[in-house]
Structures are given as C-alpha cells and as structure tokens.
Amino acid sequence: MKTIDYPLAATSISKKDMQDIMRPILQAALPKACIQKHFPHKLGYGTLMSEGFGVYDPSTSQVIEHIHSLI
C-alpha cells in the first residue's frame, strides 16, 4: 500500500479511478488472506478494532495528504 500512498500528495485521482485501481489489488489479495473476494469494500476499509482489515481507503488518504500539504 505504500507504493500507492507515496504519490497521493502530488496527484488528483477521482474516487472512481481510485476504486478502479484498488479493485484488482483487492481481488488478488483477499483470497490469499482466506477472505471472499466479493466482501464489501466499505467494511474492508474499517479499522481492526471495528472488525475491518485495517486497509485505508486511498481516496480518503489522498484528501488527508492534500490538506496536510496545505497546512
């Protein structure tokens, strides 16, 4: 995920395009973690305490990076 997180501050990718980028990544990674690949992604982006996978939504991380750069 760090290879996706690194350029987020310098890019402006739409939420739909970000989902298109993440779809093949999650479809390949989820079965290897013994999780059904059709698991709802909104639940997967949750924290470990809320029974999610601990994977951060890249579009949310992009907004945070943009705000952090402005500050």
Protein backbone atom coordinates (compact mmCIF):
# COMPACT_ATOMS: atom_id res chain seq x y z
CA MET A 1 0.00 0.00 0.00
CA LYS A 2 2.94 2.35 0.46
CA THR A 3 3.54 2.40 -3.30
CA ILE A 4 0.03 3.81 -3.70
CA ASP A 5 0.23 6.16 -0.70
CA TYR A 6 3.51 7.80 -1.73
CA PRO A 7 2.33 9.76 -4.82
CA LEU A 8 -1.10 10.72 -3.40
CA ALA A 9 0.01 14.20 -2.33
CA ALA A 10 1.11 15.05 -5.86
CA THR A 11 -1.85 13.55 -7.74
CA SER A 12 -5.52 14.30 -8.09
CA ILE A 13 -7.22 10.98 -8.82
CA SER A 14 -11.01 10.78 -8.69
CA LYS A 15 -12.72 8.40 -6.28
CA LYS A 16 -13.97 6.24 -9.17
CA ASP A 17 -10.49 5.97 -10.68
CA MET A 18 -9.09 5.09 -7.25
CA GLN A 19 -11.66 2.29 -6.95
CA ASP A 20 -10.62 1.05 -10.40
CA ILE A 21 -7.00 0.96 -9.21
CA MET A 22 -7.83 -0.85 -5.97
CA ARG A 23 -10.22 -3.43 -7.46
CA PRO A 24 -7.57 -5.78 -8.94
CA ILE A 25 -5.34 -5.34 -5.90
CA LEU A 26 -8.09 -6.38 -3.50
CA GLN A 27 -9.34 -9.18 -5.75
CA ALA A 28 -5.85 -10.68 -5.72
CA ALA A 29 -5.07 -10.05 -2.04
CA LEU A 30 -8.35 -11.06 -0.39
CA PRO A 31 -8.36 -14.73 -1.49
CA LYS A 32 -4.75 -15.07 -0.33
CA ALA A 33 -5.91 -13.86 3.10
CA CYS A 34 -8.70 -16.51 3.02
CA ILE A 35 -11.38 -13.83 2.61
CA GLN A 36 -14.08 -13.95 -0.04
CA LYS A 37 -13.15 -11.53 -2.85
CA HIS A 38 -16.74 -10.23 -3.05
CA PHE A 39 -16.60 -8.99 0.56
CA PRO A 40 -17.99 -5.40 0.76
CA HIS A 41 -15.09 -2.99 0.38
CA LYS A 42 -16.63 -0.45 2.75
CA LEU A 43 -16.31 -3.00 5.53
CA GLY A 44 -12.81 -3.93 4.49
CA TYR A 45 -11.57 -0.36 4.80
CA GLY A 46 -12.51 -0.33 8.50
CA THR A 47 -10.02 -0.39 11.33
CA LEU A 48 -9.02 -3.60 13.04
CA MET A 49 -10.98 -2.55 16.15
CA SER A 50 -14.16 -2.26 14.07
CA GLU A 51 -13.59 -5.72 12.54
CA GLY A 52 -12.21 -4.32 9.27
CA PHE A 53 -8.97 -5.29 7.55
CA GLY A 54 -7.01 -2.23 8.60
CA VAL A 55 -6.59 -1.14 4.97
CA TYR A 56 -7.01 2.58 4.43
CA ASP A 57 -9.14 3.94 1.60
CA PRO A 58 -6.64 5.61 -0.77
CA SER A 59 -9.09 8.35 -1.80
CA THR A 60 -9.51 9.35 1.85
CA SER A 61 -5.74 9.23 2.34
CA GLN A 62 -5.34 11.45 -0.73
CA VAL A 63 -7.62 14.12 0.75
CA ILE A 64 -5.73 13.96 4.05
CA GLU A 65 -2.39 14.30 2.22
CA HIS A 66 -3.66 17.33 0.28
CA ILE A 67 -4.83 19.04 3.47
CA HIS A 68 -1.58 18.17 5.23
CA SER A 69 0.42 19.70 2.36
CA LEU A 70 -1.61 22.91 2.54
CA ILE A 71 -1.07 23.26 6.26
